[in-house]
Protein backbone atom coordinates (compact mmCIF):
# COMPACT_ATOMS: atom_id res chain seq x y z
CA MET A 1 -19.50 -164.23 46.97
CA ASP A 2 -17.06 -162.10 48.83
CA THR A 3 -17.81 -162.20 52.71
CA THR A 4 -18.52 -158.29 53.01
CA VAL A 5 -20.64 -158.37 50.24
CA LEU A 6 -23.00 -161.20 51.69
CA ASP A 7 -23.01 -159.74 55.18
CA SER A 8 -23.96 -156.24 53.30
CA LYS A 9 -26.94 -158.30 51.60
CA LEU A 10 -27.71 -160.22 54.73
CA HIS A 11 -28.09 -157.11 56.25
CA ALA A 12 -30.26 -155.55 53.57
CA ALA A 13 -32.38 -158.62 53.95
CA GLN A 14 -32.97 -158.20 57.92
CA LEU A 15 -33.57 -154.57 57.42
CA LEU A 16 -36.08 -155.55 54.74
CA PHE A 17 -37.95 -158.40 57.06
CA ARG A 18 -37.85 -155.39 59.49
CA ILE A 19 -40.37 -153.56 57.02
CA GLU A 20 -42.53 -156.22 56.38
CA ASN A 21 -42.98 -157.13 59.95
CA VAL A 22 -44.96 -154.12 61.44
CA PRO A 23 -48.45 -154.19 60.34
CA PHE A 24 -49.81 -151.14 59.28
CA THR A 25 -49.58 -148.33 61.52
CA ARG A 26 -50.73 -144.61 62.26
CA TRP A 27 -47.54 -144.45 60.57
CA HIS A 28 -48.10 -145.32 57.46
CA THR A 29 -51.34 -143.32 57.35
CA LYS A 30 -49.62 -140.53 58.19
CA ALA A 31 -47.12 -140.72 54.96
CA ARG A 32 -50.61 -142.20 53.21
CA ILE A 33 -52.58 -138.98 53.61
CA ILE A 34 -49.67 -136.70 52.71
CA MET A 35 -48.20 -138.31 50.02
CA GLY A 36 -52.24 -138.79 49.00
CA SER A 37 -52.98 -134.83 49.55
CA ALA A 38 -50.43 -134.31 46.26
CA THR A 39 -52.07 -136.76 44.22
CA LEU A 40 -55.27 -135.07 45.13
CA PHE A 41 -54.00 -131.83 43.82
CA ASP A 42 -52.81 -133.91 40.81
CA ALA A 43 -56.03 -135.25 40.02
CA PHE A 44 -57.73 -131.71 40.39
CA ASP A 45 -55.11 -130.45 38.08
CA ALA A 46 -55.57 -132.66 35.91
CA LEU A 47 -59.26 -132.47 35.29
CA ALA A 48 -59.85 -128.77 36.16
CA LEU A 49 -59.29 -127.59 32.32
CA ALA A 50 -61.97 -129.84 31.14
CA PHE A 51 -64.82 -127.82 33.31
CA VAL A 52 -62.82 -124.53 31.99
CA LEU A 53 -62.97 -125.45 28.29
CA PRO A 54 -66.84 -124.84 27.81
CA VAL A 55 -65.94 -121.01 28.94
CA LEU A 56 -62.95 -120.75 27.06
CA ALA A 57 -64.44 -122.39 23.55
CA SER A 58 -67.11 -119.59 23.67
CA LEU A 59 -64.63 -116.97 25.03
CA TRP A 60 -61.84 -117.70 22.47
CA HIS A 61 -63.97 -119.14 19.46
CA LEU A 62 -62.14 -122.24 19.92
CA ALA A 63 -62.71 -125.18 17.03
CA PRO A 64 -63.04 -128.59 18.35
CA SER A 65 -59.10 -129.30 17.47
CA ASP A 66 -57.99 -126.52 19.65
CA ILE A 67 -60.09 -128.07 22.88
CA GLY A 68 -58.12 -131.44 21.99
CA PHE A 69 -54.54 -129.53 21.60
CA LEU A 70 -55.68 -127.58 24.45
CA ILE A 71 -56.49 -131.35 26.60
CA ALA A 72 -53.72 -132.95 25.21
CA ALA A 73 -50.98 -129.96 26.34
CA GLY A 74 -50.73 -130.88 29.80
CA TYR A 75 -50.18 -134.81 28.57
CA LEU A 76 -47.71 -133.91 26.69
CA GLY A 77 -45.41 -132.48 29.62
CA GLN A 78 -46.50 -135.63 31.87
CA VAL A 79 -44.62 -137.31 29.51
CA VAL A 80 -41.66 -135.60 29.90
CA GLY A 81 -42.10 -135.43 33.46
CA ALA A 82 -42.71 -139.10 34.19
CA LEU A 83 -38.93 -139.82 32.27
CA MET A 84 -37.47 -137.14 33.77
CA PHE A 85 -38.45 -137.39 37.68
CA GLY A 86 -38.53 -141.52 37.28
CA TRP A 87 -35.14 -141.41 36.57
CA LEU A 88 -34.41 -138.66 39.54
CA ALA A 89 -36.48 -140.60 41.88
CA GLU A 90 -33.60 -143.37 41.06
CA ARG A 91 -30.76 -141.05 42.26
CA LEU A 92 -31.89 -138.39 44.30
CA GLY A 93 -34.79 -140.30 46.21
CA ARG A 94 -38.25 -140.56 46.37
CA VAL A 95 -39.49 -137.77 48.52
CA PRO A 96 -36.94 -134.72 47.15
CA SER A 97 -38.54 -135.78 43.52
CA ALA A 98 -41.86 -135.72 44.78
CA THR A 99 -41.54 -132.55 46.97
CA VAL A 100 -40.35 -130.63 43.57
CA THR A 101 -42.95 -132.10 41.33
CA VAL A 102 -45.89 -130.96 43.43
CA GLY A 103 -44.31 -127.15 43.87
CA LEU A 104 -43.76 -127.49 40.04
CA MET A 105 -47.79 -128.15 39.46
CA SER A 106 -48.88 -125.78 41.90
CA VAL A 107 -46.86 -122.74 40.69
CA MET A 108 -47.69 -123.28 37.05
CA SER A 109 -51.53 -123.76 38.06
CA ILE A 110 -51.82 -120.59 39.38
CA MET A 111 -49.86 -119.33 36.72
CA CYS A 112 -52.57 -120.75 33.73
CA VAL A 113 -54.85 -117.64 35.87
CA PHE A 114 -52.81 -114.90 34.09
CA THR A 115 -52.40 -116.61 30.37
CA GLY A 116 -54.98 -114.66 28.31
CA ASN A 117 -55.22 -116.58 24.92
CA PHE A 118 -54.73 -120.16 23.58
CA HIS A 119 -51.16 -120.62 23.08
CA MET A 120 -50.17 -118.98 26.31
CA LEU A 121 -52.28 -121.66 28.19
CA PHE A 122 -51.06 -124.69 25.95
CA LEU A 123 -47.50 -123.29 27.64
CA ALA A 124 -48.59 -123.36 30.66
CA ARG A 125 -50.63 -126.41 31.03
CA PHE A 126 -47.44 -128.28 29.27
CA ILE A 127 -45.18 -126.82 32.02
CA GLN A 128 -47.40 -127.43 34.91
CA GLY A 129 -47.75 -130.99 32.92
CA ILE A 130 -44.06 -132.21 33.73
CA GLY A 131 -45.02 -131.55 37.44
CA VAL A 132 -48.12 -133.81 37.13
CA GLY A 133 -46.32 -136.87 35.17
CA GLY A 134 -43.56 -136.19 37.81
CA GLU A 135 -45.51 -136.80 41.30
CA VAL A 136 -47.84 -139.91 39.92
CA PRO A 137 -45.02 -142.54 39.54
CA VAL A 138 -42.70 -140.96 42.19
CA ALA A 139 -45.48 -140.78 45.24
CA ALA A 140 -47.04 -144.65 43.97
CA THR A 141 -43.53 -146.00 44.19
CA TYR A 142 -43.45 -144.15 47.45
CA ILE A 143 -46.37 -145.72 49.19
CA ASN A 144 -45.58 -149.50 47.57
CA GLU A 145 -42.34 -149.39 49.20
CA LEU A 146 -43.94 -148.48 52.72
CA SER A 147 -45.99 -151.52 52.65
CA GLN A 148 -46.12 -155.14 53.77
CA ALA A 149 -46.91 -157.76 51.58
CA HIS A 150 -50.03 -158.84 53.29
CA GLY A 151 -52.98 -156.22 52.49
CA ARG A 152 -51.33 -154.41 50.45
CA GLY A 153 -53.62 -154.18 47.82
CA ARG A 154 -56.72 -152.44 50.34
CA PHE A 155 -53.75 -150.01 51.91
CA PHE A 156 -52.60 -148.44 48.46
CA ILE A 157 -56.02 -148.83 46.39
CA LEU A 158 -57.59 -146.08 49.30
CA TYR A 159 -54.15 -143.81 49.01
CA GLU A 160 -55.09 -144.06 45.05
CA LEU A 161 -58.74 -143.21 46.14
CA ILE A 162 -57.92 -139.71 46.80
CA PHE A 163 -57.16 -139.37 42.88
CA PRO A 164 -60.49 -139.95 41.90
CA LEU A 165 -61.98 -137.97 45.06
CA GLY A 166 -59.43 -135.09 43.23
CA LEU A 167 -61.20 -135.90 39.90
CA LEU A 168 -65.11 -135.55 41.92
CA ALA A 169 -63.45 -132.63 43.73
CA ALA A 170 -62.64 -130.57 40.14
CA ALA A 171 -65.69 -131.60 39.07
CA GLN A 172 -68.10 -130.71 41.74
CA LEU A 173 -66.06 -127.70 41.77
CA GLY A 174 -65.95 -126.92 38.31
CA ALA A 175 -69.72 -127.47 38.48
CA PHE A 176 -70.03 -124.49 41.33
CA LEU A 177 -66.94 -122.06 40.88
CA VAL A 178 -66.96 -121.53 36.62
CA PRO A 179 -70.59 -120.22 36.25
CA ARG A 180 -70.60 -117.99 39.19
CA PHE A 181 -67.09 -117.02 39.31
CA GLY A 182 -65.38 -117.86 36.31
CA TRP A 183 -62.57 -120.05 35.01
CA GLU A 184 -59.75 -118.45 36.73
CA TYR A 185 -60.93 -119.60 39.99
CA MET A 186 -60.44 -123.64 38.90
CA PHE A 187 -56.76 -123.05 38.48
CA LEU A 188 -56.51 -121.37 42.13
CA VAL A 189 -58.14 -124.07 44.19
CA GLY A 190 -55.55 -126.16 42.72
CA GLY A 191 -52.17 -124.43 42.98
CA ILE A 192 -52.77 -122.84 46.35
CA PRO A 193 -53.39 -125.46 48.52
CA GLY A 194 -50.53 -127.65 47.01
CA LEU A 195 -47.73 -125.11 47.76
CA ILE A 196 -48.78 -126.20 51.55
CA VAL A 197 -48.69 -129.58 50.25
CA THR A 198 -45.19 -128.95 48.84
CA PHE A 199 -43.68 -128.14 52.14
CA LEU A 200 -45.54 -131.47 53.62
CA ILE A 201 -43.77 -133.84 52.11
CA LEU A 202 -40.47 -132.36 52.15
CA ARG A 203 -40.67 -133.30 55.48
CA LEU A 204 -41.80 -136.61 55.33
CA PRO A 205 -38.97 -139.89 55.87
CA GLU A 206 -37.23 -141.36 52.85
CA SER A 207 -38.63 -144.66 51.22
CA PRO A 208 -36.45 -147.08 53.40
CA ARG A 209 -36.50 -149.92 50.59
CA TRP A 210 -34.39 -147.10 48.66
CA LEU A 211 -32.18 -146.03 51.06
CA ILE A 212 -31.28 -150.05 51.42
CA SER A 213 -30.82 -150.25 47.24
CA LYS A 214 -28.60 -147.41 47.98
CA GLY A 215 -26.50 -149.33 50.88
CA ARG A 216 -27.61 -146.07 53.44
CA PHE A 217 -28.09 -148.73 56.43
CA SER A 218 -27.94 -146.42 58.76
CA ASP A 219 -30.20 -143.93 57.34
CA ALA A 220 -32.87 -147.14 56.13
CA GLU A 221 -32.32 -148.07 60.09
CA ASN A 222 -33.58 -144.71 61.37
CA VAL A 223 -36.48 -144.80 59.40
CA ILE A 224 -37.56 -148.38 59.97
CA LYS A 225 -36.96 -147.51 63.68
CA GLY A 226 -39.68 -144.91 63.44
CA ILE A 227 -42.34 -147.12 62.11
CA GLU A 228 -41.70 -150.10 64.35
CA ALA A 229 -41.81 -147.32 67.26
CA SER A 230 -45.18 -146.70 66.32
CA THR A 231 -46.67 -149.91 66.98
CA PRO A 232 -45.39 -152.92 69.45
CA ARG A 233 -47.13 -155.04 67.41
CA ARG A 234 -45.38 -157.72 64.85
CA ASN A 235 -46.51 -160.13 62.55
CA LEU A 236 -44.28 -162.47 63.79
CA ASP A 237 -41.94 -163.04 66.95
CA PRO A 238 -38.43 -163.34 66.40
CA GLN A 239 -38.19 -165.37 69.84
CA ARG A 240 -41.64 -167.35 69.33
CA ASP A 241 -41.11 -168.02 65.45
CA VAL A 242 -37.65 -167.82 65.08
CA GLY A 243 -37.64 -170.64 62.03
CA GLU A 244 -40.03 -168.61 60.10
CA VAL A 245 -38.38 -165.53 60.92
CA ASN A 246 -35.21 -166.87 59.26
CA GLN A 247 -36.86 -168.47 56.95
CA ARG A 248 -38.02 -165.36 55.57
CA VAL A 249 -35.18 -163.55 55.61
CA ALA A 250 -33.37 -166.36 53.61
CA HIS A 251 -35.90 -165.88 51.11
CA LEU A 252 -35.50 -162.28 50.89
CA LEU A 253 -31.77 -162.67 50.97
CA ASP A 254 -32.25 -164.98 48.25
CA GLY A 255 -33.79 -162.41 45.90
CA LEU A 256 -30.96 -159.55 46.57
CA GLN A 257 -28.34 -162.26 45.88
CA GLY A 258 -28.33 -161.31 42.29
CA GLN A 259 -28.96 -157.16 42.45
CA LYS A 260 -27.12 -154.87 40.64
CA LYS A 261 -27.23 -151.44 39.43
CA GLY A 262 -30.49 -150.47 37.95
CA SER A 263 -30.82 -149.52 34.42
CA TRP A 264 -33.85 -148.71 32.33
CA LYS A 265 -32.40 -151.11 29.53
CA GLU A 266 -32.96 -154.04 32.39
CA LEU A 267 -36.88 -153.45 31.41
CA PHE A 268 -35.89 -155.21 28.34
CA SER A 269 -34.09 -158.40 29.65
CA PRO A 270 -35.25 -161.72 29.34
CA PHE A 271 -36.79 -161.79 32.54
CA TYR A 272 -38.90 -158.51 32.53
CA ARG A 273 -39.55 -157.80 28.86
CA GLY A 274 -42.32 -159.49 28.75
CA ARG A 275 -43.42 -157.76 32.01
CA THR A 276 -43.01 -154.59 30.54
CA VAL A 277 -44.77 -154.92 27.58
CA VAL A 278 -47.66 -156.14 28.91
CA VAL A 279 -47.83 -152.92 31.54
CA TRP A 280 -46.91 -150.28 28.54
CA ALA A 281 -50.48 -151.66 27.07
CA LEU A 282 -52.78 -151.52 30.23
CA TRP A 283 -51.64 -148.42 30.84
CA ALA A 284 -51.95 -146.66 27.25
CA SER A 285 -55.66 -148.79 26.67
CA SER A 286 -56.94 -147.82 29.88
CA TYR A 287 -56.14 -144.41 30.04
CA PHE A 288 -57.07 -143.56 26.29
CA ILE A 289 -60.56 -144.72 27.12
CA ALA A 290 -60.60 -142.92 30.59
CA ASN A 291 -58.97 -139.79 29.96
CA GLY A 292 -60.85 -139.91 26.50
CA ILE A 293 -64.33 -139.73 28.02
CA ASN A 294 -63.34 -137.69 31.22
CA ASN A 295 -61.68 -134.69 29.44
CA TRP A 296 -64.49 -134.84 26.92
CA LEU A 297 -68.09 -135.13 28.61
CA PRO A 298 -68.08 -131.24 29.41
CA SER A 299 -67.64 -130.45 25.68
CA LEU A 300 -69.70 -133.09 24.57
CA TYR A 301 -73.11 -132.27 26.41
CA LYS A 302 -72.71 -128.74 25.29
CA THR A 303 -71.50 -128.94 21.81
CA VAL A 304 -73.21 -132.25 20.60
CA TYR A 305 -76.21 -132.16 22.82
CA HIS A 306 -76.69 -128.40 23.19
CA LEU A 307 -77.07 -128.36 27.27
CA PRO A 308 -76.82 -125.12 28.98
CA LEU A 309 -73.76 -125.07 30.63
CA GLN A 310 -74.49 -125.57 34.58
CA GLU A 311 -76.41 -128.82 33.31
CA SER A 312 -73.56 -129.86 30.97
CA LEU A 313 -71.11 -129.76 33.82
CA ARG A 314 -73.32 -131.46 36.46
CA MET A 315 -73.99 -133.99 33.94
CA ALA A 316 -69.96 -134.89 33.09
CA SER A 317 -69.52 -134.60 37.24
CA LEU A 318 -71.78 -138.23 37.77
CA SER A 319 -68.84 -140.12 36.20
CA ASN A 320 -66.42 -138.94 39.29
CA VAL A 321 -69.05 -139.50 41.63
CA LEU A 322 -69.41 -143.50 40.27
CA SER A 323 -65.25 -143.79 39.59
CA VAL A 324 -65.16 -142.93 43.32
CA LEU A 325 -67.86 -145.87 44.09
CA ALA A 326 -65.58 -148.36 41.90
CA VAL A 327 -62.49 -147.26 43.12
CA LEU A 328 -63.78 -147.89 46.84
CA ALA A 329 -64.90 -151.29 45.86
CA CYS A 330 -61.66 -152.34 43.95
CA ALA A 331 -59.59 -151.11 47.47
CA PHE A 332 -61.81 -154.00 49.55
CA LEU A 333 -61.99 -156.61 47.04
CA VAL A 334 -58.65 -156.54 44.80
CA ASP A 335 -56.83 -158.73 47.84
CA ARG A 336 -59.48 -161.57 47.60
CA ILE A 337 -60.11 -161.40 43.41
CA GLY A 338 -56.09 -160.75 42.43
CA ARG A 339 -55.02 -157.88 40.23
CA ARG A 340 -55.22 -159.88 37.49
CA ARG A 341 -58.85 -160.67 37.69
CA TRP A 342 -60.14 -157.63 38.56
CA ALA A 343 -58.50 -155.86 35.74
CA MET A 344 -59.76 -158.45 33.13
CA ILE A 345 -63.38 -157.83 34.49
CA SER A 346 -62.80 -153.88 34.60
CA PHE A 347 -62.06 -154.19 30.44
CA LEU A 348 -64.80 -156.52 29.34
CA VAL A 349 -67.32 -154.85 31.27
CA SER A 350 -66.38 -151.46 29.99
CA GLY A 351 -66.11 -152.65 26.36
CA VAL A 352 -69.59 -154.09 26.50
CA LEU A 353 -71.08 -151.11 27.80
CA LEU A 354 -68.92 -148.49 25.17
CA ALA A 355 -70.57 -150.90 22.23
CA ALA A 356 -73.60 -150.73 23.40
CA LEU A 357 -73.71 -147.26 23.37
CA GLY A 358 -71.78 -146.76 19.76
CA THR A 359 -74.41 -149.60 18.36
CA LEU A 360 -77.44 -147.28 20.18
CA GLY A 361 -76.10 -144.14 18.04
CA ALA A 362 -75.77 -142.28 21.56
CA GLY A 363 -79.15 -140.64 20.83
CA SER A 364 -79.66 -138.99 23.86
CA PRO A 365 -77.20 -137.20 26.51
CA TRP A 366 -79.03 -139.46 28.62
CA SER A 367 -78.17 -142.73 27.36
CA VAL A 368 -74.27 -141.36 27.38
CA MET A 369 -74.61 -139.99 31.21
CA ILE A 370 -75.73 -143.69 31.91
CA LEU A 371 -73.26 -145.61 29.94
CA ALA A 372 -70.51 -143.54 29.38
CA SER A 373 -70.08 -142.28 33.02
CA SER A 374 -70.68 -146.09 33.99
CA ALA A 375 -67.85 -147.30 31.53
CA TYR A 376 -65.61 -145.08 33.01
CA ALA A 377 -66.02 -145.31 36.66
CA VAL A 378 -65.32 -149.38 35.73
CA ILE A 379 -62.20 -148.98 33.30
CA GLY A 380 -61.04 -145.67 36.32
CA SER A 381 -60.68 -148.63 39.10
CA THR A 382 -57.83 -150.16 36.26
CA THR A 383 -56.40 -146.85 36.14
CA VAL A 384 -55.94 -147.06 39.90
CA LEU A 385 -55.31 -150.44 40.13
CA LEU A 386 -52.32 -150.34 37.26
CA TYR A 387 -50.50 -147.56 40.29
CA LEU A 388 -50.46 -150.51 42.44
CA TYR A 389 -49.37 -153.53 39.94
CA THR A 390 -46.73 -151.30 37.94
CA PRO A 391 -44.71 -150.82 40.80
CA GLU A 392 -45.15 -154.28 42.39
CA ILE A 393 -43.76 -156.20 39.05
CA TYR A 394 -40.04 -153.79 39.43
CA PRO A 395 -37.24 -154.62 41.73
CA THR A 396 -36.56 -151.00 43.90
CA ARG A 397 -33.47 -150.47 42.04
CA MET A 398 -35.16 -149.57 38.86
CA ARG A 399 -38.41 -149.56 40.42
CA CYS A 400 -39.30 -145.19 39.53
CA ILE A 401 -37.47 -145.89 36.38
CA GLY A 402 -40.18 -148.52 35.16
CA THR A 403 -43.29 -146.60 36.59
CA GLY A 404 -42.67 -143.31 35.00
CA LEU A 405 -41.89 -144.86 31.79
CA ALA A 406 -45.15 -147.04 31.84
CA THR A 407 -46.98 -144.26 33.18
CA SER A 408 -45.60 -141.94 30.11
CA TRP A 409 -47.42 -144.28 27.86
CA LEU A 410 -50.81 -143.11 30.03
CA ARG A 411 -49.36 -139.56 29.08
CA ALA A 412 -49.20 -140.42 25.52
CA ALA A 413 -52.12 -142.01 25.16
CA SER A 414 -54.14 -138.85 27.31
CA ALA A 415 -52.53 -136.86 25.13
CA ALA A 416 -53.55 -139.10 21.66
CA ALA A 417 -57.18 -139.18 22.82
CA PRO A 418 -58.57 -136.36 23.36
CA ALA A 419 -57.20 -135.06 20.10
CA ILE A 420 -58.32 -137.86 18.14
CA VAL A 421 -61.91 -137.63 19.38
CA GLY A 422 -62.18 -134.54 18.51
CA VAL A 423 -61.12 -135.62 14.66
CA VAL A 424 -63.44 -138.79 15.27
CA LEU A 425 -66.18 -136.81 16.39
CA THR A 426 -66.00 -134.17 13.60
CA GLY A 427 -65.61 -136.35 10.84
CA GLN A 428 -67.34 -139.31 11.84
CA GLY A 429 -69.91 -138.54 14.56
CA ILE A 430 -70.53 -139.12 18.15
CA ALA A 431 -71.25 -143.14 17.77
CA ALA A 432 -67.83 -143.84 16.34
CA VAL A 433 -66.53 -142.48 18.96
CA PHE A 434 -67.57 -144.78 21.63
CA LEU A 435 -67.06 -147.77 19.39
CA MET A 436 -63.57 -146.65 19.19
CA PHE A 437 -63.30 -146.60 22.67
CA ALA A 438 -65.07 -150.02 22.79
CA CYS A 439 -62.02 -151.36 20.27
CA VAL A 440 -59.57 -150.14 22.68
CA SER A 441 -61.23 -151.72 25.52
CA VAL A 442 -60.68 -155.42 23.65
CA ILE A 443 -57.15 -154.42 23.45
CA GLY A 444 -56.92 -154.13 27.00
CA PHE A 445 -58.45 -157.21 27.87
CA LEU A 446 -55.68 -159.50 25.55
CA ALA A 447 -53.04 -157.33 27.33
CA THR A 448 -54.68 -158.48 30.81
CA THR A 449 -54.31 -162.50 29.89
CA ARG A 450 -50.34 -161.74 30.21
CA MET A 451 -50.57 -160.13 33.76
CA ILE A 452 -48.56 -162.11 36.48
CA GLU A 453 -50.13 -162.41 40.17
CA THR A 454 -48.81 -160.35 42.72
CA THR A 455 -51.27 -160.73 45.73
CA ASN A 456 -50.09 -160.67 49.04
CA ARG A 457 -46.16 -161.67 47.71
CA ALA A 458 -43.33 -159.38 48.90
CA LEU A 459 -41.87 -156.70 46.81
CA GLU A 460 -38.48 -158.86 46.68
CA GLU A 461 -40.23 -162.13 45.95
CA ILE A 462 -41.99 -160.80 42.59
CA SER A 463 -38.85 -158.80 41.62
CA PRO A 464 -35.61 -160.05 42.00
């Protein structure tokens, strides 16, 4: 290897070691909170429509198929956003891409207020979905790249806890605002604060790992100096632990030796092909279940069980309360249990609960509230886990591309699930809907058996 290239790789390895050598500090927490605020409004915007639809269904005389297509509109846009901004984030950087996505989804949330019919709302939700779909993979990649190996699971999942909190906020505010003030206020609450968050994200430092991958060592140095200045503590002392320091730098250097320019084609190379297929199956199956349940529950309570609007919304909000608890448990246990084992248990438990509900016939709203909400909460912890796991299994040069493509499967599944639920509900009844979700859980469980374990391993070690 050319001496200049070797020196460049050694410099990169030393910078990466410095990132890994600083324990989590307020510097990391600040970045997590700001980027997490964007994710909170992402989640809010994703679920807001579910709590608006029971009103719009009566106001605009929507059929079940219309409801399914309106829900699907946002997810179709999210497929476009995940692909487009995953590509842009590899070229322009994580922070500029995240800024544009949050600004777009916030502006379009406000625009939803001014739609007056099915077709205009469909279009507005589609465009808003482009921003929502782009924000999540870029933000997940950014937070992963700021993290060190030890304790990365807890650090990241506590950040991702903001997503179910956003869903919970949407559920609680939806149950309060929509019956009292009207459906338009849901979109205003989701849009206006998001504009403020857009400016905060613009001021965040760029991912040092991305800067290193682009050869921008001086820029990365400035960011890393900011991280190091936030605390005097280090995981290893360069003078006291000189042997281990050199060993870790050498290990990181080995992982950098074969680096090349990132391309989506590498996702299907012999080394990464199996990871890609498995993670796509995980995203599609988990989100087919989670968003199929979560987006339909308010309408199911009102249209199938004929409950009053306020009671329907209140019962639907329980699933998001349970989801927050499940994700919190995941945050504190995932570094002990491991990514693979947690996902396996999640699909198994949710599948059993959904099969029981379908077999019993879903005869009462209370059985749906208990079993479906619990199944959603359990599988919801894995939907959050995948935002941690997916960036871990790809190298920096294609981390955003890989995560963006993977999350496009969640968008496609989330677009398909509500529409399919509407068709199955009309043709086969409510019990068949939950049996369908149970069958999808089996697919997800089989995919988890092929996961690689990434717990407490440096990103460059997992993905050379």
